[in-house]
N, C-alpha and C. Protein backbone atom coordinates (compact mmCIF):
# COMPACT_ATOMS: atom_id res chain seq x y z
N MET A 1 0.82 -1.18 0.00
CA MET A 1 0.00 0.00 0.00
C MET A 1 0.86 1.25 0.00
N SER A 2 2.06 1.15 0.55
CA SER A 2 2.93 2.32 0.58
C SER A 2 3.38 2.70 -0.81
N GLU A 3 3.52 1.74 -1.73
CA GLU A 3 3.91 2.08 -3.09
C GLU A 3 2.81 2.85 -3.80
N ASN A 4 1.57 2.46 -3.60
CA ASN A 4 0.47 3.11 -4.28
C ASN A 4 0.23 4.52 -3.76
N ASN A 5 0.47 4.74 -2.49
CA ASN A 5 0.19 6.03 -1.88
C ASN A 5 1.43 6.89 -1.73
N SER A 6 2.54 6.50 -2.34
CA SER A 6 3.77 7.27 -2.16
C SER A 6 3.64 8.67 -2.74
N ALA A 7 2.95 8.82 -3.88
CA ALA A 7 2.80 10.14 -4.47
C ALA A 7 1.82 10.98 -3.65
N SER A 8 0.76 10.35 -3.14
CA SER A 8 -0.21 11.12 -2.39
C SER A 8 0.29 11.49 -1.00
N SER A 9 1.20 10.69 -0.43
CA SER A 9 1.72 11.02 0.89
C SER A 9 2.61 12.26 0.83
N ASN A 10 3.23 12.51 -0.33
CA ASN A 10 4.03 13.71 -0.48
C ASN A 10 3.15 14.93 -0.74
N GLY A 11 1.92 14.70 -1.19
CA GLY A 11 1.04 15.81 -1.48
C GLY A 11 1.26 16.39 -2.86
N ASP A 12 2.16 15.79 -3.63
CA ASP A 12 2.44 16.32 -4.96
C ASP A 12 1.30 16.02 -5.92
N LYS A 13 0.99 14.76 -6.08
CA LYS A 13 -0.01 14.35 -7.04
C LYS A 13 -0.81 13.20 -6.45
N PRO A 14 -2.02 13.04 -6.88
CA PRO A 14 -2.80 11.90 -6.38
C PRO A 14 -2.23 10.60 -6.91
N SER A 15 -2.43 9.52 -6.16
CA SER A 15 -1.85 8.24 -6.52
C SER A 15 -2.50 7.66 -7.76
N SER A 16 -3.70 8.09 -8.12
CA SER A 16 -4.38 7.53 -9.28
C SER A 16 -3.91 8.16 -10.58
N SER A 17 -3.15 9.25 -10.54
CA SER A 17 -2.69 9.87 -11.77
C SER A 17 -1.60 9.04 -12.41
N SER A 18 -1.59 9.04 -13.74
CA SER A 18 -0.59 8.25 -14.44
C SER A 18 0.79 8.89 -14.35
N GLU A 19 0.86 10.18 -14.06
CA GLU A 19 2.16 10.85 -13.97
C GLU A 19 2.97 10.31 -12.80
N GLY A 20 2.32 10.00 -11.70
CA GLY A 20 3.02 9.45 -10.55
C GLY A 20 3.61 8.10 -10.88
N PHE A 21 2.84 7.28 -11.57
CA PHE A 21 3.33 5.98 -11.96
C PHE A 21 4.37 6.10 -13.07
N LEU A 22 4.22 7.12 -13.94
CA LEU A 22 5.19 7.34 -15.00
C LEU A 22 6.54 7.68 -14.42
N SER A 23 6.57 8.59 -13.45
CA SER A 23 7.84 8.95 -12.83
C SER A 23 8.41 7.76 -12.06
N GLN A 24 7.53 6.97 -11.46
CA GLN A 24 7.97 5.79 -10.74
C GLN A 24 8.58 4.78 -11.72
N ALA A 25 7.98 4.65 -12.90
CA ALA A 25 8.49 3.71 -13.90
C ALA A 25 9.83 4.19 -14.46
N LEU A 26 9.98 5.49 -14.62
CA LEU A 26 11.23 6.01 -15.17
C LEU A 26 12.37 5.95 -14.17
N ASN A 27 12.05 6.00 -12.88
CA ASN A 27 13.08 5.98 -11.86
C ASN A 27 13.56 4.58 -11.50
N LYS A 28 12.87 3.57 -11.93
CA LYS A 28 13.25 2.20 -11.61
C LYS A 28 14.49 1.82 -12.40
N ARG A 29 15.41 1.15 -11.77
CA ARG A 29 16.59 0.64 -12.47
C ARG A 29 16.23 -0.58 -13.31
N GLU A 30 15.55 -1.51 -12.69
CA GLU A 30 15.11 -2.71 -13.39
C GLU A 30 13.59 -2.73 -13.40
N LEU A 31 13.04 -2.99 -14.55
CA LEU A 31 11.59 -3.11 -14.64
C LEU A 31 11.24 -4.58 -14.65
N LYS A 32 10.62 -5.02 -13.59
CA LYS A 32 10.21 -6.40 -13.51
C LYS A 32 8.72 -6.47 -13.81
N VAL A 33 8.38 -7.28 -14.76
CA VAL A 33 6.97 -7.49 -15.05
C VAL A 33 6.58 -8.78 -14.36
N ARG A 34 5.77 -8.63 -13.34
CA ARG A 34 5.37 -9.78 -12.54
C ARG A 34 3.93 -10.13 -12.86
N ASN A 35 3.70 -11.36 -13.19
CA ASN A 35 2.35 -11.83 -13.41
C ASN A 35 1.97 -12.69 -12.21
N ILE A 36 1.59 -12.05 -11.13
CA ILE A 36 1.33 -12.78 -9.91
C ILE A 36 -0.13 -13.22 -9.83
N VAL A 37 -0.96 -12.72 -10.73
CA VAL A 37 -2.37 -13.06 -10.69
C VAL A 37 -2.60 -14.20 -11.68
N GLY A 38 -2.96 -15.33 -11.17
CA GLY A 38 -3.25 -16.47 -12.03
C GLY A 38 -4.74 -16.59 -12.26
N SER A 39 -5.13 -17.54 -13.06
CA SER A 39 -6.57 -17.74 -13.30
C SER A 39 -7.03 -18.87 -12.39
N THR A 40 -7.36 -18.52 -11.18
CA THR A 40 -7.83 -19.51 -10.23
C THR A 40 -9.26 -19.17 -9.82
N ALA A 41 -9.98 -20.19 -9.46
CA ALA A 41 -11.37 -19.97 -9.05
C ALA A 41 -11.42 -19.35 -7.66
N GLY A 42 -10.41 -19.59 -6.85
CA GLY A 42 -10.43 -19.10 -5.48
C GLY A 42 -9.58 -17.87 -5.31
N ALA A 43 -9.78 -16.86 -6.14
CA ALA A 43 -8.98 -15.65 -6.04
C ALA A 43 -9.30 -14.94 -4.74
N GLY A 44 -8.28 -14.42 -4.12
CA GLY A 44 -8.45 -13.73 -2.85
C GLY A 44 -9.00 -12.33 -3.02
N SER A 45 -9.27 -11.68 -1.92
CA SER A 45 -9.87 -10.35 -1.98
C SER A 45 -8.87 -9.29 -2.43
N SER A 46 -7.61 -9.56 -2.29
CA SER A 46 -6.61 -8.55 -2.66
C SER A 46 -6.10 -8.73 -4.09
N ASP A 47 -6.51 -9.80 -4.76
CA ASP A 47 -6.00 -10.05 -6.11
C ASP A 47 -6.39 -8.96 -7.10
N PHE A 48 -7.61 -8.45 -7.00
CA PHE A 48 -8.02 -7.40 -7.92
C PHE A 48 -7.19 -6.15 -7.72
N HIS A 49 -6.89 -5.82 -6.48
CA HIS A 49 -6.11 -4.62 -6.19
C HIS A 49 -4.67 -4.78 -6.70
N ARG A 50 -4.13 -5.98 -6.55
CA ARG A 50 -2.80 -6.24 -7.10
C ARG A 50 -2.82 -6.14 -8.62
N TYR A 51 -3.84 -6.71 -9.24
CA TYR A 51 -3.97 -6.65 -10.70
C TYR A 51 -4.07 -5.21 -11.16
N ARG A 52 -4.87 -4.42 -10.47
CA ARG A 52 -5.04 -3.03 -10.85
C ARG A 52 -3.74 -2.25 -10.70
N SER A 53 -2.98 -2.52 -9.67
CA SER A 53 -1.70 -1.86 -9.45
C SER A 53 -0.70 -2.25 -10.55
N ILE A 54 -0.65 -3.52 -10.87
CA ILE A 54 0.26 -3.99 -11.92
C ILE A 54 -0.14 -3.40 -13.26
N ARG A 55 -1.44 -3.34 -13.52
CA ARG A 55 -1.93 -2.80 -14.78
C ARG A 55 -1.57 -1.32 -14.90
N ARG A 56 -1.75 -0.55 -13.83
CA ARG A 56 -1.39 0.87 -13.86
C ARG A 56 0.10 1.05 -14.11
N PHE A 57 0.91 0.25 -13.45
CA PHE A 57 2.36 0.34 -13.64
C PHE A 57 2.74 -0.01 -15.07
N GLU A 58 2.12 -1.04 -15.64
CA GLU A 58 2.43 -1.45 -17.00
C GLU A 58 2.00 -0.38 -18.00
N TYR A 59 0.83 0.21 -17.79
CA TYR A 59 0.39 1.29 -18.69
C TYR A 59 1.34 2.49 -18.60
N ALA A 60 1.81 2.79 -17.41
CA ALA A 60 2.76 3.90 -17.25
C ALA A 60 4.08 3.57 -17.95
N ARG A 61 4.51 2.32 -17.87
CA ARG A 61 5.74 1.90 -18.54
C ARG A 61 5.59 2.02 -20.05
N LEU A 62 4.46 1.58 -20.58
CA LEU A 62 4.20 1.68 -22.01
C LEU A 62 4.09 3.13 -22.46
N GLU A 63 3.47 3.96 -21.62
CA GLU A 63 3.37 5.38 -21.93
C GLU A 63 4.75 6.02 -21.98
N ALA A 64 5.62 5.65 -21.05
CA ALA A 64 6.98 6.19 -21.05
C ALA A 64 7.74 5.75 -22.30
N MET A 65 7.55 4.50 -22.71
CA MET A 65 8.21 4.02 -23.92
C MET A 65 7.70 4.76 -25.15
N ASP A 66 6.39 5.00 -25.22
CA ASP A 66 5.82 5.74 -26.34
C ASP A 66 6.33 7.18 -26.36
N LYS A 67 6.40 7.79 -25.20
CA LYS A 67 6.89 9.17 -25.11
C LYS A 67 8.34 9.25 -25.57
N GLU A 68 9.15 8.29 -25.15
CA GLU A 68 10.55 8.26 -25.56
C GLU A 68 10.67 8.08 -27.08
N ALA A 69 9.82 7.22 -27.65
CA ALA A 69 9.85 7.01 -29.10
C ALA A 69 9.43 8.27 -29.84
N ARG A 70 8.40 8.97 -29.35
CA ARG A 70 7.97 10.22 -29.99
C ARG A 70 9.07 11.27 -29.93
N GLU A 71 9.75 11.37 -28.78
CA GLU A 71 10.83 12.34 -28.64
C GLU A 71 11.99 11.99 -29.57
N ARG A 72 12.28 10.70 -29.73
CA ARG A 72 13.35 10.27 -30.62
C ARG A 72 13.03 10.64 -32.07
N VAL A 73 11.77 10.45 -32.48
CA VAL A 73 11.36 10.80 -33.84
C VAL A 73 11.46 12.31 -34.05
N LYS A 74 11.01 13.08 -33.05
CA LYS A 74 11.11 14.54 -33.15
C LYS A 74 12.57 14.98 -33.26
N HIS A 75 13.45 14.35 -32.49
CA HIS A 75 14.87 14.71 -32.51
C HIS A 75 15.48 14.40 -33.88
N ILE A 76 15.14 13.25 -34.44
CA ILE A 76 15.67 12.87 -35.75
C ILE A 76 15.18 13.84 -36.82
N ALA A 77 13.89 14.21 -36.76
CA ALA A 77 13.34 15.17 -37.73
C ALA A 77 14.02 16.52 -37.58
N PHE A 78 14.25 16.95 -36.33
CA PHE A 78 14.92 18.23 -36.09
C PHE A 78 16.33 18.21 -36.66
N GLN A 79 17.06 17.12 -36.42
CA GLN A 79 18.42 17.03 -36.93
C GLN A 79 18.45 17.05 -38.46
N ALA A 80 17.46 16.41 -39.09
CA ALA A 80 17.40 16.42 -40.55
C ALA A 80 17.12 17.83 -41.07
N ARG A 81 16.17 18.55 -40.45
CA ARG A 81 15.89 19.93 -40.85
C ARG A 81 17.11 20.81 -40.62
N ARG A 82 17.79 20.59 -39.53
CA ARG A 82 18.98 21.39 -39.20
C ARG A 82 20.08 21.17 -40.25
N GLU A 83 20.28 19.91 -40.63
CA GLU A 83 21.29 19.59 -41.64
C GLU A 83 20.92 20.20 -42.99
N ASP A 84 19.64 20.13 -43.36
CA ASP A 84 19.18 20.73 -44.62
C ASP A 84 19.42 22.24 -44.62
N GLN A 85 19.07 22.88 -43.52
CA GLN A 85 19.26 24.33 -43.42
C GLN A 85 20.74 24.69 -43.48
N LYS A 86 21.57 23.88 -42.85
CA LYS A 86 23.01 24.13 -42.87
C LYS A 86 23.55 24.01 -44.29
N ASN A 87 23.09 23.01 -45.05
CA ASN A 87 23.53 22.84 -46.43
C ASN A 87 23.07 24.00 -47.30
N ILE A 88 21.85 24.49 -47.08
CA ILE A 88 21.34 25.64 -47.83
C ILE A 88 22.19 26.87 -47.54
N GLU A 89 22.52 27.09 -46.28
CA GLU A 89 23.33 28.25 -45.91
C GLU A 89 24.73 28.16 -46.51
N ILE A 90 25.31 26.98 -46.53
CA ILE A 90 26.64 26.80 -47.12
C ILE A 90 26.58 27.10 -48.62
N TYR A 91 25.54 26.60 -49.28
CA TYR A 91 25.39 26.83 -50.71
C TYR A 91 25.23 28.32 -51.01
N GLN A 92 24.38 29.00 -50.21
CA GLN A 92 24.15 30.43 -50.42
C GLN A 92 25.43 31.23 -50.17
N THR A 93 26.20 30.84 -49.16
CA THR A 93 27.45 31.53 -48.86
C THR A 93 28.44 31.37 -50.00
N LYS A 94 28.57 30.16 -50.52
CA LYS A 94 29.47 29.93 -51.65
C LYS A 94 29.02 30.72 -52.87
N LYS A 95 27.72 30.79 -53.10
CA LYS A 95 27.18 31.51 -54.25
C LYS A 95 27.49 33.00 -54.12
N LYS A 96 27.34 33.55 -52.92
CA LYS A 96 27.63 34.97 -52.71
C LYS A 96 29.12 35.26 -52.88
N LYS A 97 29.98 34.34 -52.45
CA LYS A 97 31.43 34.53 -52.60
C LYS A 97 31.80 34.54 -54.07
N ARG A 98 31.15 33.65 -54.86
CA ARG A 98 31.44 33.61 -56.30
C ARG A 98 30.97 34.89 -56.99
N GLU A 99 29.86 35.46 -56.55
CA GLU A 99 29.35 36.68 -57.16
C GLU A 99 30.25 37.87 -56.88
N LYS A 100 30.91 37.89 -55.72
CA LYS A 100 31.79 38.99 -55.36
C LYS A 100 33.05 39.00 -56.22
N LYS A 101 33.53 37.85 -56.62
CA LYS A 101 34.78 37.77 -57.38
C LYS A 101 34.61 38.22 -58.75
């Protein structure tokens, strides 16, 4: 229970927000995906809460991976635009130097 309420105990964000779990997922050194909930007929009263906690953590992990992929694509596009602009400026500079001579 302390893991679920760690964000709310600080007063920063409610524990149900995905941002709390996202930061928790990003701060973990090792991400262990535990499937502790089996398909048994005699599931205990806490199994649903464990499942919900695992599901929230997994969604936050997937969201972090998606965010990282989007940032990587943006960075690659930016670098390509930057390189194109640099080549245009070099071409224009050479053209101006030739016109002066």
